[in-house]
Amino acid sequence: DLFDELVAFEVERIKAEEGNPPKMIKHVRELAEQLFKNEN
């Protein structure tokens, strides 16, 4: 699922975004959209 993909492939991206709030917010919104699509 989405968590497995995050742990396997996105951890470096998450670390790189720590100092850049706009990128972090963009990634959070992308994840939120995926969560919404999974439920609907």
Full PDB file with SEQRES, HELIX, SHEET, SSBOND, CRYST1, ORIGX, SCALE, CONECT and MASTER records, all heavy atoms in Angstrom:
SEQRES   1 A   40  ASP LEU PHE ASP GLU LEU VAL ALA PHE GLU VAL GLU ARG          
SEQRES   2 A   40  ILE LYS ALA GLU GLU GLY ASN PRO PRO LYS MET ILE LYS          
SEQRES   3 A   40  HIS VAL ARG GLU LEU ALA GLU GLN LEU PHE LYS ASN GLU          
SEQRES   4 A   40  ASN                                                          
HELIX    1 AA1 LEU A    2  GLU A    5  1                                   4    
HELIX    2 AA2 LEU A    6  GLU A   10  3                                   5    
HELIX    3 AA3 VAL A   11  ALA A   16  1                                   6    
HELIX    4 AA4 GLU A   17  GLY A   19  5                                   3    
HELIX    5 AA5 PRO A   21  GLU A   39  1                                  19    
CRYST1    1.000    1.000    1.000  90.00  90.00  90.00 P 1           1          
ORIGX1      1.000000  0.000000  0.000000        0.00000                         
ORIGX2      0.000000  1.000000  0.000000        0.00000                         
ORIGX3      0.000000  0.000000  1.000000        0.00000                         
SCALE1      1.000000  0.000000  0.000000        0.00000                         
SCALE2      0.000000  1.000000  0.000000        0.00000                         
SCALE3      0.000000  0.000000  1.000000        0.00000                         
ATOM      1  N   ASP A   1       0.832  -1.194   0.000  1.00  0.00           N  
ATOM      2  CA  ASP A   1       0.000   0.000   0.000  1.00  0.00           C  
ATOM      3  C   ASP A   1       0.874   1.255   0.000  1.00  0.00           C  
ATOM      4  O   ASP A   1       2.089   1.192  -0.185  1.00  0.00           O  
ATOM      5  CB  ASP A   1      -0.966  -0.017   1.189  1.00  0.00           C  
ATOM      6  CG  ASP A   1      -0.266  -0.119   2.532  1.00  0.00           C  
ATOM      7  OD1 ASP A   1       0.960   0.045   2.589  1.00  0.00           O  
ATOM      8  OD2 ASP A   1      -0.961  -0.342   3.534  1.00  0.00           O  
ATOM      9  N   LEU A   2       0.246   2.387   0.239  1.00  0.00           N  
ATOM     10  CA  LEU A   2       0.927   3.675   0.197  1.00  0.00           C  
ATOM     11  C   LEU A   2       2.043   3.765   1.233  1.00  0.00           C  
ATOM     12  O   LEU A   2       3.108   4.312   0.962  1.00  0.00           O  
ATOM     13  CB  LEU A   2      -0.104   4.792   0.414  1.00  0.00           C  
ATOM     14  CG  LEU A   2       0.352   6.226   0.257  1.00  0.00           C  
ATOM     15  CD1 LEU A   2       0.955   6.464  -1.120  1.00  0.00           C  
ATOM     16  CD2 LEU A   2      -0.807   7.174   0.488  1.00  0.00           C  
ATOM     17  N   PHE A   3       1.823   3.221   2.423  1.00  0.00           N  
ATOM     18  CA  PHE A   3       2.844   3.262   3.462  1.00  0.00           C  
ATOM     19  C   PHE A   3       4.098   2.508   3.018  1.00  0.00           C  
ATOM     20  O   PHE A   3       5.211   2.987   3.213  1.00  0.00           O  
ATOM     21  CB  PHE A   3       2.310   2.671   4.776  1.00  0.00           C  
ATOM     22  CG  PHE A   3       3.321   2.661   5.879  1.00  0.00           C  
ATOM     23  CD1 PHE A   3       3.603   3.818   6.588  1.00  0.00           C  
ATOM     24  CD2 PHE A   3       4.013   1.508   6.203  1.00  0.00           C  
ATOM     25  CE1 PHE A   3       4.547   3.827   7.599  1.00  0.00           C  
ATOM     26  CE2 PHE A   3       4.951   1.498   7.210  1.00  0.00           C  
ATOM     27  CZ  PHE A   3       5.223   2.661   7.917  1.00  0.00           C  
ATOM     28  N   ASP A   4       3.916   1.330   2.427  1.00  0.00           N  
ATOM     29  CA  ASP A   4       5.070   0.550   1.960  1.00  0.00           C  
ATOM     30  C   ASP A   4       5.869   1.325   0.915  1.00  0.00           C  
ATOM     31  O   ASP A   4       7.095   1.309   0.919  1.00  0.00           O  
ATOM     32  CB  ASP A   4       4.610  -0.787   1.370  1.00  0.00           C  
ATOM     33  CG  ASP A   4       3.992  -1.684   2.415  1.00  0.00           C  
ATOM     34  OD1 ASP A   4       4.575  -1.812   3.507  1.00  0.00           O  
ATOM     35  OD2 ASP A   4       2.918  -2.250   2.147  1.00  0.00           O  
ATOM     36  N   GLU A   5       5.157   1.990   0.014  1.00  0.00           N  
ATOM     37  CA  GLU A   5       5.837   2.784  -1.010  1.00  0.00           C  
ATOM     38  C   GLU A   5       6.615   3.943  -0.380  1.00  0.00           C  
ATOM     39  O   GLU A   5       7.730   4.244  -0.782  1.00  0.00           O  
ATOM     40  CB  GLU A   5       4.831   3.314  -2.025  1.00  0.00           C  
ATOM     41  CG  GLU A   5       4.211   2.221  -2.871  1.00  0.00           C  
ATOM     42  CD  GLU A   5       3.060   2.711  -3.720  1.00  0.00           C  
ATOM     43  OE1 GLU A   5       2.907   3.947  -3.884  1.00  0.00           O  
ATOM     44  OE2 GLU A   5       2.307   1.868  -4.230  1.00  0.00           O  
ATOM     45  N   LEU A   6       6.011   4.592   0.617  1.00  0.00           N  
ATOM     46  CA  LEU A   6       6.697   5.691   1.296  1.00  0.00           C  
ATOM     47  C   LEU A   6       7.963   5.218   1.987  1.00  0.00           C  
ATOM     48  O   LEU A   6       9.022   5.827   1.861  1.00  0.00           O  
ATOM     49  CB  LEU A   6       5.780   6.334   2.342  1.00  0.00           C  
ATOM     50  CG  LEU A   6       4.901   7.481   1.902  1.00  0.00           C  
ATOM     51  CD1 LEU A   6       4.048   7.958   3.060  1.00  0.00           C  
ATOM     52  CD2 LEU A   6       5.695   8.621   1.350  1.00  0.00           C  
ATOM     53  N   VAL A   7       7.863   4.126   2.744  1.00  0.00           N  
ATOM     54  CA  VAL A   7       9.012   3.609   3.488  1.00  0.00           C  
ATOM     55  C   VAL A   7      10.115   3.167   2.523  1.00  0.00           C  
ATOM     56  O   VAL A   7      11.293   3.385   2.778  1.00  0.00           O  
ATOM     57  CB  VAL A   7       8.585   2.456   4.421  1.00  0.00           C  
ATOM     58  CG1 VAL A   7       9.783   1.733   4.989  1.00  0.00           C  
ATOM     59  CG2 VAL A   7       7.723   2.991   5.549  1.00  0.00           C  
ATOM     60  N   ALA A   8       9.730   2.561   1.415  1.00  0.00           N  
ATOM     61  CA  ALA A   8      10.717   2.007   0.490  1.00  0.00           C  
ATOM     62  C   ALA A   8      11.353   3.054  -0.425  1.00  0.00           C  
ATOM     63  O   ALA A   8      12.550   2.999  -0.690  1.00  0.00           O  
ATOM     64  CB  ALA A   8      10.079   0.911  -0.359  1.00  0.00           C  
ATOM     65  N   PHE A   9      10.559   4.000  -0.900  1.00  0.00           N  
ATOM     66  CA  PHE A   9      11.056   4.868  -1.966  1.00  0.00           C  
ATOM     67  C   PHE A   9      11.072   6.363  -1.660  1.00  0.00           C  
ATOM     68  O   PHE A   9      11.735   7.124  -2.344  1.00  0.00           O  
ATOM     69  CB  PHE A   9      10.220   4.657  -3.238  1.00  0.00           C  
ATOM     70  CG  PHE A   9      10.122   3.223  -3.651  1.00  0.00           C  
ATOM     71  CD1 PHE A   9       8.899   2.572  -3.663  1.00  0.00           C  
ATOM     72  CD2 PHE A   9      11.254   2.499  -4.009  1.00  0.00           C  
ATOM     73  CE1 PHE A   9       8.804   1.245  -4.046  1.00  0.00           C  
ATOM     74  CE2 PHE A   9      11.165   1.165  -4.392  1.00  0.00           C  
ATOM     75  CZ  PHE A   9       9.939   0.538  -4.407  1.00  0.00           C  
ATOM     76  N   GLU A  10      10.335   6.806  -0.654  1.00  0.00           N  
ATOM     77  CA  GLU A  10      10.163   8.247  -0.456  1.00  0.00           C  
ATOM     78  C   GLU A  10      10.858   8.821   0.773  1.00  0.00           C  
ATOM     79  O   GLU A  10      10.772  10.014   1.015  1.00  0.00           O  
ATOM     80  CB  GLU A  10       8.665   8.575  -0.367  1.00  0.00           C  
ATOM     81  CG  GLU A  10       7.865   8.178  -1.583  1.00  0.00           C  
ATOM     82  CD  GLU A  10       8.008   9.152  -2.728  1.00  0.00           C  
ATOM     83  OE1 GLU A  10       8.302  10.333  -2.481  1.00  0.00           O  
ATOM     84  OE2 GLU A  10       7.828   8.720  -3.880  1.00  0.00           O  
ATOM     85  N   VAL A  11      11.523   8.021   1.581  1.00  0.00           N  
ATOM     86  CA  VAL A  11      12.117   8.530   2.826  1.00  0.00           C  
ATOM     87  C   VAL A  11      13.180   9.582   2.529  1.00  0.00           C  
ATOM     88  O   VAL A  11      13.262  10.608   3.216  1.00  0.00           O  
ATOM     89  CB  VAL A  11      12.670   7.374   3.689  1.00  0.00           C  
ATOM     90  CG1 VAL A  11      13.403   7.912   4.904  1.00  0.00           C  
ATOM     91  CG2 VAL A  11      11.534   6.477   4.139  1.00  0.00           C  
ATOM     92  N   GLU A  12      13.972   9.375   1.499  1.00  0.00           N  
ATOM     93  CA  GLU A  12      15.000  10.365   1.148  1.00  0.00           C  
ATOM     94  C   GLU A  12      14.342  11.669   0.706  1.00  0.00           C  
ATOM     95  O   GLU A  12      14.825  12.754   1.027  1.00  0.00           O  
ATOM     96  CB  GLU A  12      15.915   9.810   0.055  1.00  0.00           C  
ATOM     97  CG  GLU A  12      16.743   8.616   0.499  1.00  0.00           C  
ATOM     98  CD  GLU A  12      17.584   8.897   1.743  1.00  0.00           C  
ATOM     99  OE1 GLU A  12      18.179   9.985   1.840  1.00  0.00           O  
ATOM    100  OE2 GLU A  12      17.624   8.016   2.628  1.00  0.00           O  
ATOM    101  N   ARG A  13      13.240  11.576  -0.021  1.00  0.00           N  
ATOM    102  CA  ARG A  13      12.518  12.781  -0.444  1.00  0.00           C  
ATOM    103  C   ARG A  13      11.985  13.532   0.774  1.00  0.00           C  
ATOM    104  O   ARG A  13      12.064  14.753   0.846  1.00  0.00           O  
ATOM    105  CB  ARG A  13      11.366  12.392  -1.370  1.00  0.00           C  
ATOM    106  CG  ARG A  13      10.498  13.559  -1.775  1.00  0.00           C  
ATOM    107  CD  ARG A  13       9.335  13.128  -2.631  1.00  0.00           C  
ATOM    108  NE  ARG A  13       8.468  14.253  -2.919  1.00  0.00           N  
ATOM    109  CZ  ARG A  13       7.365  14.170  -3.616  1.00  0.00           C  
ATOM    110  NH1 ARG A  13       6.986  13.021  -4.134  1.00  0.00           N  
ATOM    111  NH2 ARG A  13       6.628  15.240  -3.825  1.00  0.00           N  
ATOM    112  N   ILE A  14      11.456  12.775   1.732  1.00  0.00           N  
ATOM    113  CA  ILE A  14      10.916  13.391   2.946  1.00  0.00           C  
ATOM    114  C   ILE A  14      12.024  14.120   3.697  1.00  0.00           C  
ATOM    115  O   ILE A  14      11.831  15.248   4.164  1.00  0.00           O  
ATOM    116  CB  ILE A  14      10.226  12.326   3.833  1.00  0.00           C  
ATOM    117  CG1 ILE A  14       8.967  11.813   3.147  1.00  0.00           C  
ATOM    118  CG2 ILE A  14       9.905  12.881   5.206  1.00  0.00           C  
ATOM    119  CD1 ILE A  14       8.338  10.605   3.820  1.00  0.00           C  
ATOM    120  N   LYS A  15      13.203  13.495   3.809  1.00  0.00           N  
ATOM    121  CA  LYS A  15      14.332  14.144   4.483  1.00  0.00           C  
ATOM    122  C   LYS A  15      14.768  15.394   3.751  1.00  0.00           C  
ATOM    123  O   LYS A  15      15.094  16.409   4.371  1.00  0.00           O  
ATOM    124  CB  LYS A  15      15.507  13.174   4.598  1.00  0.00           C  
ATOM    125  CG  LYS A  15      15.336  12.119   5.644  1.00  0.00           C  
ATOM    126  CD  LYS A  15      16.548  11.220   5.711  1.00  0.00           C  
ATOM    127  CE  LYS A  15      16.341  10.091   6.699  1.00  0.00           C  
ATOM    128  NZ  LYS A  15      17.450   9.149   6.710  1.00  0.00           N  
ATOM    129  N   ALA A  16      14.783  15.352   2.426  1.00  0.00           N  
ATOM    130  CA  ALA A  16      15.202  16.515   1.631  1.00  0.00           C  
ATOM    131  C   ALA A  16      14.213  17.670   1.767  1.00  0.00           C  
ATOM    132  O   ALA A  16      14.599  18.834   1.659  1.00  0.00           O  
ATOM    133  CB  ALA A  16      15.352  16.118   0.168  1.00  0.00           C  
ATOM    134  N   GLU A  17      12.955  17.358   2.009  1.00  0.00           N  
ATOM    135  CA  GLU A  17      11.929  18.399   2.110  1.00  0.00           C  
ATOM    136  C   GLU A  17      11.861  19.058   3.481  1.00  0.00           C  
ATOM    137  O   GLU A  17      11.138  20.038   3.651  1.00  0.00           O  
ATOM    138  CB  GLU A  17      10.553  17.801   1.791  1.00  0.00           C  
ATOM    139  CG  GLU A  17      10.386  17.405   0.356  1.00  0.00           C  
ATOM    140  CD  GLU A  17       9.105  16.642   0.107  1.00  0.00           C  
ATOM    141  OE1 GLU A  17       8.436  16.259   1.085  1.00  0.00           O  
ATOM    142  OE2 GLU A  17       8.783  16.435  -1.067  1.00  0.00           O  
ATOM    143  N   GLU A  18      12.604  18.541   4.462  1.00  0.00           N  
ATOM    144  CA  GLU A  18      12.519  19.078   5.824  1.00  0.00           C  
ATOM    145  C   GLU A  18      12.816  20.571   5.882  1.00  0.00           C  
ATOM    146  O   GLU A  18      12.215  21.290   6.655  1.00  0.00           O  
ATOM    147  CB  GLU A  18      13.452  18.307   6.757  1.00  0.00           C  
ATOM    148  CG  GLU A  18      12.915  16.954   7.147  1.00  0.00           C  
ATOM    149  CD  GLU A  18      13.854  16.197   8.065  1.00  0.00           C  
ATOM    150  OE1 GLU A  18      14.906  16.740   8.444  1.00  0.00           O  
ATOM    151  OE2 GLU A  18      13.535  15.049   8.391  1.00  0.00           O  
ATOM    152  N   GLY A  19      13.735  21.043   5.086  1.00  0.00           N  
ATOM    153  CA  GLY A  19      14.078  22.470   5.124  1.00  0.00           C  
ATOM    154  C   GLY A  19      13.297  23.313   4.134  1.00  0.00           C  
ATOM    155  O   GLY A  19      13.528  24.509   4.030  1.00  0.00           O  
ATOM    156  N   ASN A  20      12.366  22.711   3.403  1.00  0.00           N  
ATOM    157  CA  ASN A  20      11.620  23.430   2.375  1.00  0.00           C  
ATOM    158  C   ASN A  20      10.117  23.225   2.580  1.00  0.00           C  
ATOM    159  O   ASN A  20       9.518  22.310   2.008  1.00  0.00           O  
ATOM    160  CB  ASN A  20      12.060  22.922   0.995  1.00  0.00           C  
ATOM    161  CG  ASN A  20      11.573  23.809  -0.131  1.00  0.00           C  
ATOM    162  OD1 ASN A  20      10.641  24.589   0.039  1.00  0.00           O  
ATOM    163  ND2 ASN A  20      12.206  23.667  -1.276  1.00  0.00           N  
ATOM    164  N   PRO A  21       9.473  24.093   3.385  1.00  0.00           N  
ATOM    165  CA  PRO A  21       8.045  23.922   3.689  1.00  0.00           C  
ATOM    166  C   PRO A  21       7.123  23.865   2.462  1.00  0.00           C  
ATOM    167  O   PRO A  21       6.197  23.063   2.452  1.00  0.00           O  
ATOM    168  CB  PRO A  21       7.717  25.126   4.577  1.00  0.00           C  
ATOM    169  CG  PRO A  21       9.016  25.482   5.206  1.00  0.00           C  
ATOM    170  CD  PRO A  21      10.068  25.176   4.171  1.00  0.00           C  
ATOM    171  N   PRO A  22       7.337  24.679   1.402  1.00  0.00           N  
ATOM    172  CA  PRO A  22       6.423  24.566   0.252  1.00  0.00           C  
ATOM    173  C   PRO A  22       6.453  23.171  -0.400  1.00  0.00           C  
ATOM    174  O   PRO A  22       5.414  22.632  -0.772  1.00  0.00           O  
ATOM    175  CB  PRO A  22       6.924  25.627  -0.722  1.00  0.00           C  
ATOM    176  CG  PRO A  22       7.622  26.625   0.126  1.00  0.00           C  
ATOM    177  CD  PRO A  22       8.230  25.845   1.241  1.00  0.00           C  
ATOM    178  N   LYS A  23       7.649  22.572  -0.506  1.00  0.00           N  
ATOM    179  CA  LYS A  23       7.737  21.223  -1.075  1.00  0.00           C  
ATOM    180  C   LYS A  23       7.080  20.209  -0.159  1.00  0.00           C  
ATOM    181  O   LYS A  23       6.428  19.269  -0.609  1.00  0.00           O  
ATOM    182  CB  LYS A  23       9.198  20.829  -1.320  1.00  0.00           C  
ATOM    183  CG  LYS A  23       9.793  21.435  -2.559  1.00  0.00           C  
ATOM    184  CD  LYS A  23      11.161  20.854  -2.816  1.00  0.00           C  
ATOM    185  CE  LYS A  23      11.718  21.381  -4.117  1.00  0.00           C  
ATOM    186  NZ  LYS A  23      13.032  20.797  -4.423  1.00  0.00           N  
ATOM    187  N   MET A  24       7.257  20.394   1.152  1.00  0.00           N  
ATOM    188  CA  MET A  24       6.670  19.485   2.129  1.00  0.00           C  
ATOM    189  C   MET A  24       5.139  19.552   2.035  1.00  0.00           C  
ATOM    190  O   MET A  24       4.470  18.515   2.015  1.00  0.00           O  
ATOM    191  CB  MET A  24       7.122  19.859   3.546  1.00  0.00           C  
ATOM    192  CG  MET A  24       6.768  18.838   4.571  1.00  0.00           C  
ATOM    193  SD  MET A  24       7.329  19.150   6.276  1.00  0.00           S  
ATOM    194  CE  MET A  24       8.479  20.463   6.181  1.00  0.00           C  
ATOM    195  N   ILE A  25       4.600  20.752   1.949  1.00  0.00           N  
ATOM    196  CA  ILE A  25       3.146  20.918   1.852  1.00  0.00           C  
ATOM    197  C   ILE A  25       2.623  20.307   0.555  1.00  0.00           C  
ATOM    198  O   ILE A  25       1.576  19.654   0.542  1.00  0.00           O  
ATOM    199  CB  ILE A  25       2.764  22.411   1.967  1.00  0.00           C  
ATOM    200  CG1 ILE A  25       3.038  22.893   3.398  1.00  0.00           C  
ATOM    201  CG2 ILE A  25       1.312  22.648   1.587  1.00  0.00           C  
ATOM    202  CD1 ILE A  25       2.923  24.376   3.595  1.00  0.00           C  
ATOM    203  N   LYS A  26       3.380  20.478  -0.519  1.00  0.00           N  
ATOM    204  CA  LYS A  26       2.977  19.889  -1.801  1.00  0.00           C  
ATOM    205  C   LYS A  26       2.929  18.363  -1.695  1.00  0.00           C  
ATOM    206  O   LYS A  26       1.982  17.731  -2.174  1.00  0.00           O  
ATOM    207  CB  LYS A  26       3.949  20.315  -2.901  1.00  0.00           C  
ATOM    208  CG  LYS A  26       3.586  19.791  -4.264  1.00  0.00           C  
ATOM    209  CD  LYS A  26       4.592  20.207  -5.309  1.00  0.00           C  
ATOM    210  CE  LYS A  26       4.201  19.590  -6.644  1.00  0.00           C  
ATOM    211  NZ  LYS A  26       5.316  19.274  -7.468  1.00  0.00           N  
ATOM    212  N   HIS A  27       3.939  17.773  -1.065  1.00  0.00           N  
ATOM    213  CA  HIS A  27       3.969  16.313  -0.905  1.00  0.00           C  
ATOM    214  C   HIS A  27       2.831  15.839  -0.015  1.00  0.00           C  
ATOM    215  O   HIS A  27       2.197  14.815  -0.299  1.00  0.00           O  
ATOM    216  CB  HIS A  27       5.316  15.871  -0.334  1.00  0.00           C  
ATOM    217  CG  HIS A  27       5.499  14.391  -0.333  1.00  0.00           C  
ATOM    218  ND1 HIS A  27       5.922  13.714   0.783  1.00  0.00           N  
ATOM    219  CD2 HIS A  27       5.316  13.454  -1.299  1.00  0.00           C  
ATOM    220  CE1 HIS A  27       5.986  12.425   0.501  1.00  0.00           C  
ATOM    221  NE2 HIS A  27       5.623  12.240  -0.752  1.00  0.00           N  
ATOM    222  N   VAL A  28       2.540  16.570   1.057  1.00  0.00           N  
ATOM    223  CA  VAL A  28       1.430  16.210   1.946  1.00  0.00           C  
ATOM    224  C   VAL A  28       0.120  16.242   1.164  1.00  0.00           C  
ATOM    225  O   VAL A  28      -0.721  15.343   1.299  1.00  0.00           O  
ATOM    226  CB  VAL A  28       1.374  17.156   3.169  1.00  0.00           C  
ATOM    227  CG1 VAL A  28       0.053  17.033   3.906  1.00  0.00           C  
ATOM    228  CG2 VAL A  28       2.527  16.874   4.110  1.00  0.00           C  
ATOM    229  N   ARG A  29      -0.049  17.231   0.321  1.00  0.00           N  
ATOM    230  CA  ARG A  29      -1.287  17.321  -0.477  1.00  0.00           C  
ATOM    231  C   ARG A  29      -1.375  16.183  -1.495  1.00  0.00           C  
ATOM    232  O   ARG A  29      -2.459  15.667  -1.752  1.00  0.00           O  
ATOM    233  CB  ARG A  29      -1.375  18.680  -1.154  1.00  0.00           C  
ATOM    234  CG  ARG A  29      -1.666  19.768  -0.142  1.00  0.00           C  
ATOM    235  CD  ARG A  29      -2.131  21.044  -0.752  1.00  0.00           C  
ATOM    236  NE  ARG A  29      -2.529  21.958   0.310  1.00  0.00           N  
ATOM    237  CZ  ARG A  29      -2.181  23.222   0.373  1.00  0.00           C  
ATOM    238  NH1 ARG A  29      -1.435  23.747  -0.580  1.00  0.00           N  
ATOM    239  NH2 ARG A  29      -2.583  23.972   1.368  1.00  0.00           N  
ATOM    240  N   GLU A  30      -0.243  15.798  -2.069  1.00  0.00           N  
ATOM    241  CA  GLU A  30      -0.235  14.658  -2.998  1.00  0.00           C  
ATOM    242  C   GLU A  30      -0.642  13.379  -2.265  1.00  0.00           C  
ATOM    243  O   GLU A  30      -1.445  12.589  -2.779  1.00  0.00           O  
ATOM    244  CB  GLU A  30       1.159  14.467  -3.614  1.00  0.00           C  
ATOM    245  CG  GLU A  30       1.560  15.520  -4.610  1.00  0.00           C  
ATOM    246  CD  GLU A  30       3.033  15.412  -5.017  1.00  0.00           C  
ATOM    247  OE1 GLU A  30       3.733  14.463  -4.585  1.00  0.00           O  
ATOM    248  OE2 GLU A  30       3.487  16.292  -5.763  1.00  0.00           O  
ATOM    249  N   LEU A  31      -0.078  13.181  -1.076  1.00  0.00           N  
ATOM    250  CA  LEU A  31      -0.429  11.999  -0.286  1.00  0.00           C  
ATOM    251  C   LEU A  31      -1.903  12.024   0.105  1.00  0.00           C  
ATOM    252  O   LEU A  31      -2.583  10.993   0.071  1.00  0.00           O  
ATOM    253  CB  LEU A  31       0.440  11.910   0.970  1.00  0.00           C  
ATOM    254  CG  LEU A  31       1.904  11.568   0.760  1.00  0.00           C  
ATOM    255  CD1 LEU A  31       2.668  11.677   2.075  1.00  0.00           C  
ATOM    256  CD2 LEU A  31       2.057  10.184   0.165  1.00  0.00           C  
ATOM    257  N   ALA A  32      -2.395  13.205   0.484  1.00  0.00           N  
ATOM    258  CA  ALA A  32      -3.804  13.339   0.866  1.00  0.00           C  
ATOM    259  C   ALA A  32      -4.703  12.998  -0.322  1.00  0.00           C  
ATOM    260  O   ALA A  32      -5.737  12.329  -0.153  1.00  0.00           O  
ATOM    261  CB  ALA A  32      -4.088  14.759   1.367  1.00  0.00           C  
ATOM    262  N   GLU A  33      -4.314  13.412  -1.499  1.00  0.00           N  
ATOM    263  CA  GLU A  33      -5.083  13.091  -2.708  1.00  0.00           C  
ATOM    264  C   GLU A  33      -5.088  11.579  -2.954  1.00  0.00           C  
ATOM    265  O   GLU A  33      -6.121  11.012  -3.287  1.00  0.00           O  
ATOM    266  CB  GLU A  33      -4.490  13.823  -3.915  1.00  0.00           C  
ATOM    267  CG  GLU A  33      -5.267  13.629  -5.187  1.00  0.00           C  
ATOM    268  CD  GLU A  33      -6.645  14.263  -5.164  1.00  0.00           C  
ATOM    269  OE1 GLU A  33      -6.838  15.277  -4.459  1.00  0.00           O  
ATOM    270  OE2 GLU A  33      -7.534  13.741  -5.855  1.00  0.00           O  
ATOM    271  N   GLN A  34      -3.947  10.929  -2.753  1.00  0.00           N  
ATOM    272  CA  GLN A  34      -3.885   9.474  -2.915  1.00  0.00           C  
ATOM    273  C   GLN A  34      -4.750   8.771  -1.873  1.00  0.00           C  
ATOM    274  O   GLN A  34      -5.435   7.791  -2.188  1.00  0.00           O  
ATOM    275  CB  GLN A  34      -2.445   8.984  -2.813  1.00  0.00           C  
ATOM    276  CG  GLN A  34      -1.626   9.312  -4.038  1.00  0.00           C  
ATOM    277  CD  GLN A  34      -0.201   8.817  -3.885  1.00  0.00           C  
ATOM    278  OE1 GLN A  34       0.500   9.216  -2.957  1.00  0.00           O  
ATOM    279  NE2 GLN A  34       0.212   7.959  -4.786  1.00  0.00           N  
ATOM    280  N   LEU A  35      -4.727   9.253  -0.640  1.00  0.00           N  
ATOM    281  CA  LEU A  35      -5.570   8.675   0.403  1.00  0.00           C  
ATOM    282  C   LEU A  35      -7.049   8.820   0.045  1.00  0.00           C  
ATOM    283  O   LEU A  35      -7.848   7.893   0.226  1.00  0.00           O  
ATOM    284  CB  LEU A  35      -5.289   9.336   1.758  1.00  0.00           C  
ATOM    285  CG  LEU A  35      -3.958   8.990   2.411  1.00  0.00           C  
ATOM    286  CD1 LEU A  35      -3.699   9.910   3.598  1.00  0.00           C  
ATOM    287  CD2 LEU A  35      -3.935   7.540   2.846  1.00  0.00           C  
ATOM    288  N   PHE A  36      -7.408   9.987  -0.480  1.00  0.00           N  
ATOM    289  CA  PHE A  36      -8.798  10.229  -0.883  1.00  0.00           C  
ATOM    290  C   PHE A  36      -9.200   9.287  -2.010  1.00  0.00           C  
ATOM    291  O   PHE A  36     -10.276   8.698  -1.993  1.00  0.00           O  
ATOM    292  CB  PHE A  36      -8.980  11.686  -1.303  1.00  0.00           C  
ATOM    293  CG  PHE A  36     -10.383  12.007  -1.734  1.00  0.00           C  
ATOM    294  CD1 PHE A  36     -11.383  12.159  -0.786  1.00  0.00           C  
ATOM    295  CD2 PHE A  36     -10.709  12.132  -3.078  1.00  0.00           C  
ATOM    296  CE1 PHE A  36     -12.685  12.445  -1.172  1.00  0.00           C  
ATOM    297  CE2 PHE A  36     -12.008  12.403  -3.468  1.00  0.00           C  
ATOM    298  CZ  PHE A  36     -12.995  12.561  -2.515  1.00  0.00           C  
ATOM    299  N   LYS A  37      -8.316   9.118  -2.996  1.00  0.00           N  
ATOM    300  CA  LYS A  37      -8.623   8.227  -4.124  1.00  0.00           C  
ATOM    301  C   LYS A  37      -8.730   6.775  -3.674  1.00  0.00           C  
ATOM    302  O   LYS A  37      -9.533   6.020  -4.215  1.00  0.00           O  
ATOM    303  CB  LYS A  37      -7.553   8.354  -5.207  1.00  0.00           C  
ATOM    304  CG  LYS A  37      -7.673   9.627  -6.011  1.00  0.00           C  
ATOM    305  CD  LYS A  37      -6.594   9.708  -7.062  1.00  0.00           C  
ATOM    306  CE  LYS A  37      -6.684  11.024  -7.809  1.00  0.00           C  
ATOM    307  NZ  LYS A  37      -5.588  11.171  -8.770  1.00  0.00           N  
ATOM    308  N   ASN A  38      -7.920   6.377  -2.687  1.00  0.00           N  
ATOM    309  CA  ASN A  38      -8.009   5.009  -2.168  1.00  0.00           C  
ATOM    310  C   ASN A  38      -9.350   4.750  -1.507  1.00  0.00           C  
ATOM    311  O   ASN A  38      -9.883   3.652  -1.576  1.00  0.00           O  
ATOM    312  CB  ASN A  38      -6.888   4.728  -1.174  1.00  0.00           C  
ATOM    313  CG  ASN A  38      -5.557   4.546  -1.838  1.00  0.00           C  
ATOM    314  OD1 ASN A  38      -5.455   4.385  -3.049  1.00  0.00           O  
ATOM    315  ND2 ASN A  38      -4.506   4.579  -1.045  1.00  0.00           N  
ATOM    316  N   GLU A  39      -9.894   5.766  -0.832  1.00  0.00           N  
ATOM    317  CA  GLU A  39     -11.162   5.592  -0.133  1.00  0.00           C  
ATOM    318  C   GLU A  39     -12.360   5.807  -1.042  1.00  0.00           C  
ATOM    319  O   GLU A  39     -13.438   5.301  -0.781  1.00  0.00           O  
ATOM    320  CB  GLU A  39     -11.243   6.542   1.058  1.00  0.00           C  
ATOM    321  CG  GLU A  39     -10.293   6.162   2.165  1.00  0.00           C  
ATOM    322  CD  GLU A  39     -10.372   7.103   3.339  1.00  0.00           C  
ATOM    323  OE1 GLU A  39     -11.281   7.948   3.385  1.00  0.00           O  
ATOM    324  OE2 GLU A  39      -9.517   6.983   4.220  1.00  0.00           O  
ATOM    325  N   ASN A  40     -12.182   6.604  -2.099  1.00  0.00           N  
ATOM    326  CA  ASN A  40     -13.274   6.915  -3.022  1.00  0.00           C  
ATOM    327  C   ASN A  40     -12.827   6.627  -4.450  1.00  0.00           C  
ATOM    328  O   ASN A  40     -12.540   7.551  -5.204  1.00  0.00           O  
ATOM    329  CB  ASN A  40     -13.675   8.392  -2.902  1.00  0.00           C  
ATOM    330  CG  ASN A  40     -14.052   8.765  -1.498  1.00  0.00           C  
ATOM    331  OD1 ASN A  40     -14.912   8.146  -0.912  1.00  0.00           O  
ATOM    332  ND2 ASN A  40     -13.395   9.761  -0.948  1.00  0.00           N  
TER     333      ASN A  40                                                      
MASTER        0    0    0    5    0    0    0    6  332    1    0    4          
END                                                                             
